[in-house]
Amino acid sequence: MKKVEAIIKPFKLDEVKDALQEASLQGITVIEAKGFGRQKGHTELYRGAEYVVDFLPKVKIELIIGDDMLETAIEVIQKAAQTGRIGDGKIFVSDIQEAIRIRTGESGIDAL
């Protein structure tokens, strides 16, 4: 099993969610986040005062999938989240040792 974490621009969330559902990938967790990478924030003007916005709004999507669906998940997220501009985000993949469904006690891939 793999854990796929994607950090994307907030306005791309619906496109990514819809694309994942079309690819039969279900069971996502969405977390509102703030951060920066190469984008490094920007300067804004508020009531005549200039200030730096270091942490930009982002959305983090997490999903746990079987190994056989990894490439599909990466392709779907990358295509749906891409704008071609700086700050599009990142995708991280890590191994999951075990998954257990609390309600039934099912484990492994059956718990997904």
PDB file of N, CA and C in Angstrom:
ATOM      1  N   MET A   1       0.838  -1.176   0.000  1.00  0.00           N
ATOM      2  CA  MET A   1       0.000   0.000   0.000  1.00  0.00           C
ATOM      3  C   MET A   1       0.883   1.239   0.000  1.00  0.00           C
ATOM      4  N   LYS A   2       0.348   2.299  -0.577  1.00  0.00           N
ATOM      5  CA  LYS A   2       1.070   3.567  -0.663  1.00  0.00           C
ATOM      6  C   LYS A   2       0.210   4.698  -0.126  1.00  0.00           C
ATOM      7  N   LYS A   3       0.872   5.689   0.437  1.00  0.00           N
ATOM      8  CA  LYS A   3       0.216   6.926   0.833  1.00  0.00           C
ATOM      9  C   LYS A   3       0.657   7.995  -0.148  1.00  0.00           C
ATOM     10  N   VAL A   4      -0.309   8.638  -0.785  1.00  0.00           N
ATOM     11  CA  VAL A   4      -0.028   9.717  -1.725  1.00  0.00           C
ATOM     12  C   VAL A   4      -0.489  11.008  -1.065  1.00  0.00           C
ATOM     13  N   GLU A   5       0.435  11.943  -0.929  1.00  0.00           N
ATOM     14  CA  GLU A   5       0.127  13.265  -0.390  1.00  0.00           C
ATOM     15  C   GLU A   5       0.386  14.275  -1.491  1.00  0.00           C
ATOM     16  N   ALA A   6      -0.589  15.124  -1.755  1.00  0.00           N
ATOM     17  CA  ALA A   6      -0.438  16.151  -2.779  1.00  0.00           C
ATOM     18  C   ALA A   6      -0.757  17.498  -2.159  1.00  0.00           C
ATOM     19  N   ILE A   7       0.128  18.443  -2.359  1.00  0.00           N
ATOM     20  CA  ILE A   7      -0.107  19.811  -1.906  1.00  0.00           C
ATOM     21  C   ILE A   7      -0.379  20.623  -3.163  1.00  0.00           C
ATOM     22  N   ILE A   8      -1.572  21.203  -3.225  1.00  0.00           N
ATOM     23  CA  ILE A   8      -2.021  21.872  -4.446  1.00  0.00           C
ATOM     24  C   ILE A   8      -2.603  23.246  -4.127  1.00  0.00           C
ATOM     25  N   LYS A   9      -2.893  23.998  -5.179  1.00  0.00           N
ATOM     26  CA  LYS A   9      -3.565  25.287  -5.020  1.00  0.00           C
ATOM     27  C   LYS A   9      -5.032  25.029  -4.670  1.00  0.00           C
ATOM     28  N   PRO A  10      -5.592  25.822  -3.753  1.00  0.00           N
ATOM     29  CA  PRO A  10      -6.965  25.570  -3.293  1.00  0.00           C
ATOM     30  C   PRO A  10      -8.015  25.550  -4.403  1.00  0.00           C
ATOM     31  N   PHE A  11      -7.881  26.396  -5.404  1.00  0.00           N
ATOM     32  CA  PHE A  11      -8.908  26.453  -6.443  1.00  0.00           C
ATOM     33  C   PHE A  11      -8.875  25.238  -7.367  1.00  0.00           C
ATOM     34  N   LYS A  12      -7.873  24.379  -7.238  1.00  0.00           N
ATOM     35  CA  LYS A  12      -7.780  23.157  -8.036  1.00  0.00           C
ATOM     36  C   LYS A  12      -8.381  21.941  -7.334  1.00  0.00           C
ATOM     37  N   LEU A  13      -8.834  22.112  -6.099  1.00  0.00           N
ATOM     38  CA  LEU A  13      -9.325  20.978  -5.310  1.00  0.00           C
ATOM     39  C   LEU A  13     -10.470  20.246  -5.990  1.00  0.00           C
ATOM     40  N   ASP A  14     -11.479  20.964  -6.466  1.00  0.00           N
ATOM     41  CA  ASP A  14     -12.631  20.300  -7.081  1.00  0.00           C
ATOM     42  C   ASP A  14     -12.229  19.520  -8.329  1.00  0.00           C
ATOM     43  N   GLU A  15     -11.334  20.079  -9.132  1.00  0.00           N
ATOM     44  CA  GLU A  15     -10.876  19.373 -10.335  1.00  0.00           C
ATOM     45  C   GLU A  15     -10.144  18.088  -9.971  1.00  0.00           C
ATOM     46  N   VAL A  16      -9.277  18.159  -8.963  1.00  0.00           N
ATOM     47  CA  VAL A  16      -8.524  16.981  -8.540  1.00  0.00           C
ATOM     48  C   VAL A  16      -9.469  15.933  -7.958  1.00  0.00           C
ATOM     49  N   LYS A  17     -10.395  16.354  -7.107  1.00  0.00           N
ATOM     50  CA  LYS A  17     -11.364  15.419  -6.495  1.00  0.00           C
ATOM     51  C   LYS A  17     -12.184  14.722  -7.576  1.00  0.00           C
ATOM     52  N   ASP A  18     -12.698  15.491  -8.538  1.00  0.00           N
ATOM     53  CA  ASP A  18     -13.495  14.904  -9.617  1.00  0.00           C
ATOM     54  C   ASP A  18     -12.679  13.934 -10.459  1.00  0.00           C
ATOM     55  N   ALA A  19     -11.422  14.299 -10.749  1.00  0.00           N
ATOM     56  CA  ALA A  19     -10.559  13.433 -11.550  1.00  0.00           C
ATOM     57  C   ALA A  19     -10.246  12.129 -10.814  1.00  0.00           C
ATOM     58  N   LEU A  20     -10.038  12.207  -9.503  1.00  0.00           N
ATOM     59  CA  LEU A  20      -9.784  11.002  -8.712  1.00  0.00           C
ATOM     60  C   LEU A  20     -11.010  10.094  -8.697  1.00  0.00           C
ATOM     61  N   GLN A  21     -12.193  10.689  -8.575  1.00  0.00           N
ATOM     62  CA  GLN A  21     -13.419   9.894  -8.574  1.00  0.00           C
ATOM     63  C   GLN A  21     -13.637   9.221  -9.927  1.00  0.00           C
ATOM     64  N   GLU A  22     -13.340   9.927 -11.017  1.00  0.00           N
ATOM     65  CA  GLU A  22     -13.469   9.339 -12.352  1.00  0.00           C
ATOM     66  C   GLU A  22     -12.522   8.159 -12.545  1.00  0.00           C
ATOM     67  N   ALA A  23     -11.372   8.205 -11.864  1.00  0.00           N
ATOM     68  CA  ALA A  23     -10.392   7.125 -11.960  1.00  0.00           C
ATOM     69  C   ALA A  23     -10.665   6.031 -10.926  1.00  0.00           C
ATOM     70  N   SER A  24     -11.821   6.083 -10.268  1.00  0.00           N
ATOM     71  CA  SER A  24     -12.226   5.114  -9.247  1.00  0.00           C
ATOM     72  C   SER A  24     -11.303   5.099  -8.040  1.00  0.00           C
ATOM     73  N   LEU A  25     -10.724   6.249  -7.720  1.00  0.00           N
ATOM     74  CA  LEU A  25      -9.903   6.390  -6.518  1.00  0.00           C
ATOM     75  C   LEU A  25     -10.736   7.133  -5.485  1.00  0.00           C
ATOM     76  N   GLN A  26     -11.050   6.452  -4.385  1.00  0.00           N
ATOM     77  CA  GLN A  26     -11.912   7.031  -3.367  1.00  0.00           C
ATOM     78  C   GLN A  26     -11.198   7.088  -2.039  1.00  0.00           C
ATOM     79  N   GLY A  27     -11.818   7.738  -1.100  1.00  0.00           N
ATOM     80  CA  GLY A  27     -11.273   7.785   0.249  1.00  0.00           C
ATOM     81  C   GLY A  27     -10.141   8.775   0.386  1.00  0.00           C
ATOM     82  N   ILE A  28     -10.439  10.057   0.165  1.00  0.00           N
ATOM     83  CA  ILE A  28      -9.399  11.069   0.302  1.00  0.00           C
ATOM     84  C   ILE A  28      -9.635  11.893   1.558  1.00  0.00           C
ATOM     85  N   THR A  29      -8.556  12.428   2.081  1.00  0.00           N
ATOM     86  CA  THR A  29      -8.604  13.360   3.197  1.00  0.00           C
ATOM     87  C   THR A  29      -8.080  14.687   2.688  1.00  0.00           C
ATOM     88  N   VAL A  30      -8.774  15.768   3.029  1.00  0.00           N
ATOM     89  CA  VAL A  30      -8.371  17.102   2.583  1.00  0.00           C
ATOM     90  C   VAL A  30      -8.081  17.958   3.812  1.00  0.00           C
ATOM     91  N   ILE A  31      -6.931  18.614   3.798  1.00  0.00           N
ATOM     92  CA  ILE A  31      -6.497  19.450   4.909  1.00  0.00           C
ATOM     93  C   ILE A  31      -6.131  20.828   4.367  1.00  0.00           C
ATOM     94  N   GLU A  32      -6.675  21.876   4.974  1.00  0.00           N
ATOM     95  CA  GLU A  32      -6.263  23.226   4.601  1.00  0.00           C
ATOM     96  C   GLU A  32      -4.889  23.466   5.193  1.00  0.00           C
ATOM     97  N   ALA A  33      -4.005  24.042   4.381  1.00  0.00           N
ATOM     98  CA  ALA A  33      -2.632  24.252   4.831  1.00  0.00           C
ATOM     99  C   ALA A  33      -2.125  25.601   4.347  1.00  0.00           C
ATOM    100  N   LYS A  34      -1.015  26.022   4.906  1.00  0.00           N
ATOM    101  CA  LYS A  34      -0.329  27.222   4.453  1.00  0.00           C
ATOM    102  C   LYS A  34       1.146  26.882   4.346  1.00  0.00           C
ATOM    103  N   GLY A  35       1.801  27.440   3.346  1.00  0.00           N
ATOM    104  CA  GLY A  35       3.217  27.167   3.208  1.00  0.00           C
ATOM    105  C   GLY A  35       3.794  27.869   1.999  1.00  0.00           C
ATOM    106  N   PHE A  36       5.062  27.590   1.742  1.00  0.00           N
ATOM    107  CA  PHE A  36       5.718  28.142   0.568  1.00  0.00           C
ATOM    108  C   PHE A  36       6.906  27.281   0.196  1.00  0.00           C
ATOM    109  N   GLY A  37       7.258  27.325  -1.055  1.00  0.00           N
ATOM    110  CA  GLY A  37       8.442  26.643  -1.559  1.00  0.00           C
ATOM    111  C   GLY A  37       9.255  27.674  -2.297  1.00  0.00           C
ATOM    112  N   ARG A  38       9.481  27.442  -3.562  1.00  0.00           N
ATOM    113  CA  ARG A  38      10.208  28.409  -4.376  1.00  0.00           C
ATOM    114  C   ARG A  38       9.416  29.689  -4.575  1.00  0.00           C
ATOM    115  N   GLN A  39       8.109  29.598  -4.384  1.00  0.00           N
ATOM    116  CA  GLN A  39       7.210  30.729  -4.583  1.00  0.00           C
ATOM    117  C   GLN A  39       7.509  31.866  -3.595  1.00  0.00           C
ATOM    118  N   LYS A  40       7.865  31.513  -2.370  1.00  0.00           N
ATOM    119  CA  LYS A  40       8.316  32.423  -1.314  1.00  0.00           C
ATOM    120  C   LYS A  40       7.345  33.526  -0.915  1.00  0.00           C
ATOM    121  N   GLY A  41       6.088  33.437  -1.228  1.00  0.00           N
ATOM    122  CA  GLY A  41       5.126  34.448  -0.800  1.00  0.00           C
ATOM    123  C   GLY A  41       5.153  35.679  -1.676  1.00  0.00           C
ATOM    124  N   HIS A  42       4.470  36.721  -1.214  1.00  0.00           N
ATOM    125  CA  HIS A  42       4.392  37.954  -1.976  1.00  0.00           C
ATOM    126  C   HIS A  42       4.054  39.122  -1.055  1.00  0.00           C
ATOM    127  N   THR A  43       4.135  40.334  -1.600  1.00  0.00           N
ATOM    128  CA  THR A  43       3.837  41.544  -0.843  1.00  0.00           C
ATOM    129  C   THR A  43       2.444  42.037  -1.197  1.00  0.00           C
ATOM    130  N   GLU A  44       1.689  42.456  -0.185  1.00  0.00           N
ATOM    131  CA  GLU A  44       0.354  43.002  -0.407  1.00  0.00           C
ATOM    132  C   GLU A  44       0.239  44.348   0.284  1.00  0.00           C
ATOM    133  N   LEU A  45      -0.753  45.113  -0.145  1.00  0.00           N
ATOM    134  CA  LEU A  45      -1.011  46.431   0.425  1.00  0.00           C
ATOM    135  C   LEU A  45      -2.367  46.383   1.112  1.00  0.00           C
ATOM    136  N   TYR A  46      -2.419  46.774   2.389  1.00  0.00           N
ATOM    137  CA  TYR A  46      -3.672  46.792   3.133  1.00  0.00           C
ATOM    138  C   TYR A  46      -3.775  48.109   3.882  1.00  0.00           C
ATOM    139  N   ARG A  47      -4.780  48.910   3.539  1.00  0.00           N
ATOM    140  CA  ARG A  47      -5.002  50.223   4.156  1.00  0.00           C
ATOM    141  C   ARG A  47      -3.747  51.064   4.174  1.00  0.00           C
ATOM    142  N   GLY A  48      -3.061  51.054   3.055  1.00  0.00           N
ATOM    143  CA  GLY A  48      -1.874  51.891   2.898  1.00  0.00           C
ATOM    144  C   GLY A  48      -0.598  51.305   3.469  1.00  0.00           C
ATOM    145  N   ALA A  49      -0.688  50.181   4.150  1.00  0.00           N
ATOM    146  CA  ALA A  49       0.507  49.556   4.731  1.00  0.00           C
ATOM    147  C   ALA A  49       0.878  48.323   3.912  1.00  0.00           C
ATOM    148  N   GLU A  50       2.144  48.227   3.603  1.00  0.00           N
ATOM    149  CA  GLU A  50       2.644  47.080   2.848  1.00  0.00           C
ATOM    150  C   GLU A  50       3.082  45.990   3.811  1.00  0.00           C
ATOM    151  N   TYR A  51       2.711  44.762   3.510  1.00  0.00           N
ATOM    152  CA  TYR A  51       3.138  43.654   4.359  1.00  0.00           C
ATOM    153  C   TYR A  51       3.418  42.421   3.491  1.00  0.00           C
ATOM    154  N   VAL A  52       4.231  41.528   4.024  1.00  0.00           N
ATOM    155  CA  VAL A  52       4.637  40.331   3.293  1.00  0.00           C
ATOM    156  C   VAL A  52       3.758  39.161   3.714  1.00  0.00           C
ATOM    157  N   VAL A  53       3.207  38.452   2.733  1.00  0.00           N
ATOM    158  CA  VAL A  53       2.452  37.231   2.981  1.00  0.00           C
ATOM    159  C   VAL A  53       3.417  36.077   2.720  1.00  0.00           C
ATOM    160  N   ASP A  54       3.994  35.532   3.801  1.00  0.00           N
ATOM    161  CA  ASP A  54       4.990  34.459   3.668  1.00  0.00           C
ATOM    162  C   ASP A  54       4.334  33.121   3.347  1.00  0.00           C
ATOM    163  N   PHE A  55       3.261  32.826   4.063  1.00  0.00           N
ATOM    164  CA  PHE A  55       2.632  31.529   3.924  1.00  0.00           C
ATOM    165  C   PHE A  55       1.408  31.654   3.030  1.00  0.00           C
ATOM    166  N   LEU A  56       1.449  30.965   1.916  1.00  0.00           N
ATOM    167  CA  LEU A  56       0.359  31.014   0.954  1.00  0.00           C
ATOM    168  C   LEU A  56      -0.634  29.898   1.214  1.00  0.00           C
ATOM    169  N   PRO A  57      -1.925  30.138   0.950  1.00  0.00           N
ATOM    170  CA  PRO A  57      -2.920  29.089   1.179  1.00  0.00           C
ATOM    171  C   PRO A  57      -2.719  27.918   0.219  1.00  0.00           C
ATOM    172  N   LYS A  58      -2.773  26.734   0.761  1.00  0.00           N
ATOM    173  CA  LYS A  58      -2.634  25.497  -0.012  1.00  0.00           C
ATOM    174  C   LYS A  58      -3.659  24.496   0.513  1.00  0.00           C
ATOM    175  N   VAL A  59      -3.813  23.403  -0.209  1.00  0.00           N
ATOM    176  CA  VAL A  59      -4.649  22.295   0.223  1.00  0.00           C
ATOM    177  C   VAL A  59      -3.800  21.034   0.135  1.00  0.00           C
ATOM    178  N   LYS A  60      -3.873  20.222   1.184  1.00  0.00           N
ATOM    179  CA  LYS A  60      -3.148  18.948   1.187  1.00  0.00           C
ATOM    180  C   LYS A  60      -4.164  17.827   1.058  1.00  0.00           C
ATOM    181  N   ILE A  61      -3.954  16.988   0.067  1.00  0.00           N
ATOM    182  CA  ILE A  61      -4.818  15.832  -0.168  1.00  0.00           C
ATOM    183  C   ILE A  61      -4.032  14.584   0.189  1.00  0.00           C
ATOM    184  N   GLU A  62      -4.649  13.686   0.937  1.00  0.00           N
ATOM    185  CA  GLU A  62      -4.006  12.420   1.278  1.00  0.00           C
ATOM    186  C   GLU A  62      -4.907  11.276   0.843  1.00  0.00           C
ATOM    187  N   LEU A  63      -4.321  10.247   0.254  1.00  0.00           N
ATOM    188  CA  LEU A  63      -5.077   9.038  -0.036  1.00  0.00           C
ATOM    189  C   LEU A  63      -4.165   7.835   0.104  1.00  0.00           C
ATOM    190  N   ILE A  64      -4.743   6.739   0.590  1.00  0.00           N
ATOM    191  CA  ILE A  64      -4.030   5.478   0.742  1.00  0.00           C
ATOM    192  C   ILE A  64      -4.584   4.546  -0.319  1.00  0.00           C
ATOM    193  N   ILE A  65      -3.683   3.972  -1.105  1.00  0.00           N
ATOM    194  CA  ILE A  65      -4.105   3.140  -2.240  1.00  0.00           C
ATOM    195  C   ILE A  65      -3.250   1.883  -2.327  1.00  0.00           C
ATOM    196  N   GLY A  66      -3.735   0.932  -3.093  1.00  0.00           N
ATOM    197  CA  GLY A  66      -2.949  -0.257  -3.385  1.00  0.00           C
ATOM    198  C   GLY A  66      -1.810   0.105  -4.325  1.00  0.00           C
ATOM    199  N   ASP A  67      -0.739  -0.665  -4.280  1.00  0.00           N
ATOM    200  CA  ASP A  67       0.428  -0.403  -5.123  1.00  0.00           C
ATOM    201  C   ASP A  67       0.070  -0.329  -6.601  1.00  0.00           C
ATOM    202  N   ASP A  68      -0.916  -1.110  -7.025  1.00  0.00           N
ATOM    203  CA  ASP A  68      -1.282  -1.169  -8.438  1.00  0.00           C
ATOM    204  C   ASP A  68      -1.932   0.121  -8.950  1.00  0.00           C
ATOM    205  N   MET A  69      -2.407   0.972  -8.053  1.00  0.00           N
ATOM    206  CA  MET A  69      -3.072   2.212  -8.465  1.00  0.00           C
ATOM    207  C   MET A  69      -2.175   3.444  -8.355  1.00  0.00           C
ATOM    208  N   LEU A  70      -0.920   3.257  -7.965  1.00  0.00           N
ATOM    209  CA  LEU A  70      -0.032   4.387  -7.709  1.00  0.00           C
ATOM    210  C   LEU A  70       0.180   5.267  -8.936  1.00  0.00           C
ATOM    211  N   GLU A  71       0.566   4.681 -10.043  1.00  0.00           N
ATOM    212  CA  GLU A  71       0.846   5.478 -11.242  1.00  0.00           C
ATOM    213  C   GLU A  71      -0.395   6.230 -11.712  1.00  0.00           C
ATOM    214  N   THR A  72      -1.548   5.578 -11.642  1.00  0.00           N
ATOM    215  CA  THR A  72      -2.797   6.235 -12.030  1.00  0.00           C
ATOM    216  C   THR A  72      -3.055   7.446 -11.145  1.00  0.00           C
ATOM    217  N   ALA A  73      -2.903   7.275  -9.839  1.00  0.00           N
ATOM    218  CA  ALA A  73      -3.147   8.376  -8.907  1.00  0.00           C
ATOM    219  C   ALA A  73      -2.225   9.553  -9.180  1.00  0.00           C
ATOM    220  N   ILE A  74      -0.951   9.278  -9.403  1.00  0.00           N
ATOM    221  CA  ILE A  74       0.013  10.345  -9.670  1.00  0.00           C
ATOM    222  C   ILE A  74      -0.351  11.090 -10.951  1.00  0.00           C
ATOM    223  N   GLU A  75      -0.641  10.355 -12.009  1.00  0.00           N
ATOM    224  CA  GLU A  75      -0.987  10.976 -13.287  1.00  0.00           C
ATOM    225  C   GLU A  75      -2.243  11.832 -13.173  1.00  0.00           C
ATOM    226  N   VAL A  76      -3.255  11.314 -12.502  1.00  0.00           N
ATOM    227  CA  VAL A  76      -4.531  12.019 -12.363  1.00  0.00           C
ATOM    228  C   VAL A  76      -4.346  13.316 -11.576  1.00  0.00           C
ATOM    229  N   ILE A  77      -3.642  13.241 -10.452  1.00  0.00           N
ATOM    230  CA  ILE A  77      -3.425  14.432  -9.627  1.00  0.00           C
ATOM    231  C   ILE A  77      -2.593  15.454 -10.381  1.00  0.00           C
ATOM    232  N   GLN A  78      -1.515  14.997 -11.001  1.00  0.00           N
ATOM    233  CA  GLN A  78      -0.627  15.919 -11.709  1.00  0.00           C
ATOM    234  C   GLN A  78      -1.366  16.648 -12.835  1.00  0.00           C
ATOM    235  N   LYS A  79      -2.147  15.921 -13.587  1.00  0.00           N
ATOM    236  CA  LYS A  79      -2.868  16.527 -14.723  1.00  0.00           C
ATOM    237  C   LYS A  79      -3.931  17.509 -14.232  1.00  0.00           C
ATOM    238  N   ALA A  80      -4.687  17.132 -13.197  1.00  0.00           N
ATOM    239  CA  ALA A  80      -5.781  17.977 -12.720  1.00  0.00           C
ATOM    240  C   ALA A  80      -5.297  19.207 -11.957  1.00  0.00           C
ATOM    241  N   ALA A  81      -4.159  19.110 -11.282  1.00  0.00           N
ATOM    242  CA  ALA A  81      -3.679  20.211 -10.436  1.00  0.00           C
ATOM    243  C   ALA A  81      -2.785  21.196 -11.173  1.00  0.00           C
ATOM    244  N   GLN A  82      -2.334  20.841 -12.338  1.00  0.00           N
ATOM    245  CA  GLN A  82      -1.342  21.658 -13.048  1.00  0.00           C
ATOM    246  C   GLN A  82      -1.943  22.920 -13.667  1.00  0.00           C
ATOM    247  N   THR A  83      -1.290  24.050 -13.398  1.00  0.00           N
ATOM    248  CA  THR A  83      -1.639  25.308 -14.065  1.00  0.00           C
ATOM    249  C   THR A  83      -0.508  25.769 -14.965  1.00  0.00           C
ATOM    250  N   GLY A  84       0.686  25.210 -14.741  1.00  0.00           N
ATOM    251  CA  GLY A  84       1.853  25.620 -15.512  1.00  0.00           C
ATOM    252  C   GLY A  84       2.590  26.800 -14.905  1.00  0.00           C
ATOM    253  N   ARG A  85       2.111  27.244 -13.745  1.00  0.00           N
ATOM    254  CA  ARG A  85       2.756  28.382 -13.090  1.00  0.00           C
ATOM    255  C   ARG A  85       3.408  27.938 -11.784  1.00  0.00           C
ATOM    256  N   ILE A  86       4.318  28.743 -11.306  1.00  0.00           N
ATOM    257  CA  ILE A  86       5.006  28.431 -10.060  1.00  0.00           C
ATOM    258  C   ILE A  86       3.993  28.282  -8.933  1.00  0.00           C
ATOM    259  N   GLY A  87       4.243  27.338  -8.025  1.00  0.00           N
ATOM    260  CA  GLY A  87       3.349  27.117  -6.896  1.00  0.00           C
ATOM    261  C   GLY A  87       2.276  26.076  -7.141  1.00  0.00           C
ATOM    262  N   ASP A  88       2.386  25.316  -8.238  1.00  0.00           N
ATOM    263  CA  ASP A  88       1.382  24.282  -8.519  1.00  0.00           C
ATOM    264  C   ASP A  88       1.355  23.205  -7.441  1.00  0.00           C
ATOM    265  N   GLY A  89       2.464  22.979  -6.766  1.00  0.00           N
ATOM    266  CA  GLY A  89       2.478  22.038  -5.651  1.00  0.00           C
ATOM    267  C   GLY A  89       3.421  20.879  -5.844  1.00  0.00           C
ATOM    268  N   LYS A  90       3.261  19.892  -4.991  1.00  0.00           N
ATOM    269  CA  LYS A  90       4.120  18.712  -4.980  1.00  0.00           C
ATOM    270  C   LYS A  90       3.277  17.479  -4.684  1.00  0.00           C
ATOM    271  N   ILE A  91       3.810  16.321  -5.104  1.00  0.00           N
ATOM    272  CA  ILE A  91       3.214  15.030  -4.772  1.00  0.00           C
ATOM    273  C   ILE A  91       4.281  14.211  -4.065  1.00  0.00           C
ATOM    274  N   PHE A  92       3.915  13.630  -2.927  1.00  0.00           N
ATOM    275  CA  PHE A  92       4.822  12.787  -2.164  1.00  0.00           C
ATOM    276  C   PHE A  92       4.217  11.393  -2.059  1.00  0.00           C
ATOM    277  N   VAL A  93       5.055  10.374  -2.127  1.00  0.00           N
ATOM    278  CA  VAL A  93       4.603   8.986  -2.032  1.00  0.00           C
ATOM    279  C   VAL A  93       5.417   8.295  -0.935  1.00  0.00           C
ATOM    280  N   SER A  94       4.708   7.589  -0.054  1.00  0.00           N
ATOM    281  CA  SER A  94       5.401   6.825   0.986  1.00  0.00           C
ATOM    282  C   SER A  94       4.721   5.472   1.164  1.00  0.00           C
ATOM    283  N   ASP A  95       5.448   4.546   1.754  1.00  0.00           N
ATOM    284  CA  ASP A  95       4.926   3.207   2.001  1.00  0.00           C
ATOM    285  C   ASP A  95       4.055   3.197   3.254  1.00  0.00           C
ATOM    286  N   ILE A  96       3.018   2.384   3.210  1.00  0.00           N
ATOM    287  CA  ILE A  96       2.147   2.172   4.368  1.00  0.00           C
ATOM    288  C   ILE A  96       2.304   0.717   4.793  1.00  0.00           C
ATOM    289  N   GLN A  97       2.638   0.518   6.044  1.00  0.00           N
ATOM    290  CA  GLN A  97       2.868  -0.830   6.553  1.00  0.00           C
ATOM    291  C   GLN A  97       1.565  -1.583   6.796  1.00  0.00           C
ATOM    292  N   GLU A  98       0.579  -0.876   7.321  1.00  0.00           N
ATOM    293  CA  GLU A  98      -0.665  -1.547   7.691  1.00  0.00           C
ATOM    294  C   GLU A  98      -1.812  -0.549   7.699  1.00  0.00           C
ATOM    295  N   ALA A  99      -2.998  -1.044   7.435  1.00  0.00           N
ATOM    296  CA  ALA A  99      -4.233  -0.265   7.538  1.00  0.00           C
ATOM    297  C   ALA A  99      -5.275  -1.157   8.202  1.00  0.00           C
ATOM    298  N   ILE A 100      -6.028  -0.581   9.123  1.00  0.00           N
ATOM    299  CA  ILE A 100      -7.049  -1.340   9.834  1.00  0.00           C
ATOM    300  C   ILE A 100      -8.334  -0.522   9.864  1.00  0.00           C
ATOM    301  N   ARG A 101      -9.418  -1.132   9.423  1.00  0.00           N
ATOM    302  CA  ARG A 101     -10.732  -0.480   9.514  1.00  0.00           C
ATOM    303  C   ARG A 101     -11.241  -0.686  10.931  1.00  0.00           C
ATOM    304  N   ILE A 102     -11.455   0.391  11.651  1.00  0.00           N
ATOM    305  CA  ILE A 102     -11.842   0.317  13.054  1.00  0.00           C
ATOM    306  C   ILE A 102     -13.173  -0.409  13.235  1.00  0.00           C
ATOM    307  N   ARG A 103     -14.153  -0.104  12.401  1.00  0.00           N
ATOM    308  CA  ARG A 103     -15.497  -0.670  12.569  1.00  0.00           C
ATOM    309  C   ARG A 103     -15.517  -2.188  12.461  1.00  0.00           C
ATOM    310  N   THR A 104     -14.813  -2.757  11.479  1.00  0.00           N
ATOM    311  CA  THR A 104     -14.918  -4.200  11.205  1.00  0.00           C
ATOM    312  C   THR A 104     -13.687  -4.998  11.596  1.00  0.00           C
ATOM    313  N   GLY A 105     -12.571  -4.311  11.794  1.00  0.00           N
ATOM    314  CA  GLY A 105     -11.324  -5.012  12.099  1.00  0.00           C
ATOM    315  C   GLY A 105     -10.587  -5.496  10.871  1.00  0.00           C
ATOM    316  N   GLU A 106     -11.152  -5.223   9.674  1.00  0.00           N
ATOM    317  CA  GLU A 106     -10.457  -5.635   8.448  1.00  0.00           C
ATOM    318  C   GLU A 106      -9.094  -4.957   8.389  1.00  0.00           C
ATOM    319  N   SER A 107      -8.139  -5.644   7.775  1.00  0.00           N
ATOM    320  CA  SER A 107      -6.809  -5.068   7.701  1.00  0.00           C
ATOM    321  C   SER A 107      -6.243  -5.192   6.284  1.00  0.00           C
ATOM    322  N   GLY A 108      -5.129  -4.499   6.075  1.00  0.00           N
ATOM    323  CA  GLY A 108      -4.488  -4.516   4.761  1.00  0.00           C
ATOM    324  C   GLY A 108      -5.326  -3.821   3.710  1.00  0.00           C
ATOM    325  N   ILE A 109      -5.249  -4.315   2.491  1.00  0.00           N
ATOM    326  CA  ILE A 109      -5.946  -3.711   1.362  1.00  0.00           C
ATOM    327  C   ILE A 109      -7.464  -3.769   1.551  1.00  0.00           C
ATOM    328  N   ASP A 110      -7.959  -4.759   2.309  1.00  0.00           N
ATOM    329  CA  ASP A 110      -9.410  -4.866   2.565  1.00  0.00           C
ATOM    330  C   ASP A 110      -9.934  -3.696   3.413  1.00  0.00           C
ATOM    331  N   ALA A 111      -9.064  -3.079   4.179  1.00  0.00           N
ATOM    332  CA  ALA A 111      -9.474  -1.965   5.024  1.00  0.00           C
ATOM    333  C   ALA A 111      -9.663  -0.669   4.243  1.00  0.00           C
ATOM    334  N   LEU A 112      -9.127  -0.637   3.044  1.00  0.00           N
ATOM    335  CA  LEU A 112      -9.245   0.583   2.240  1.00  0.00           C
ATOM    336  C   LEU A 112     -10.615   0.664   1.644  1.00  0.00           C
TER     337      LEU A 112
END
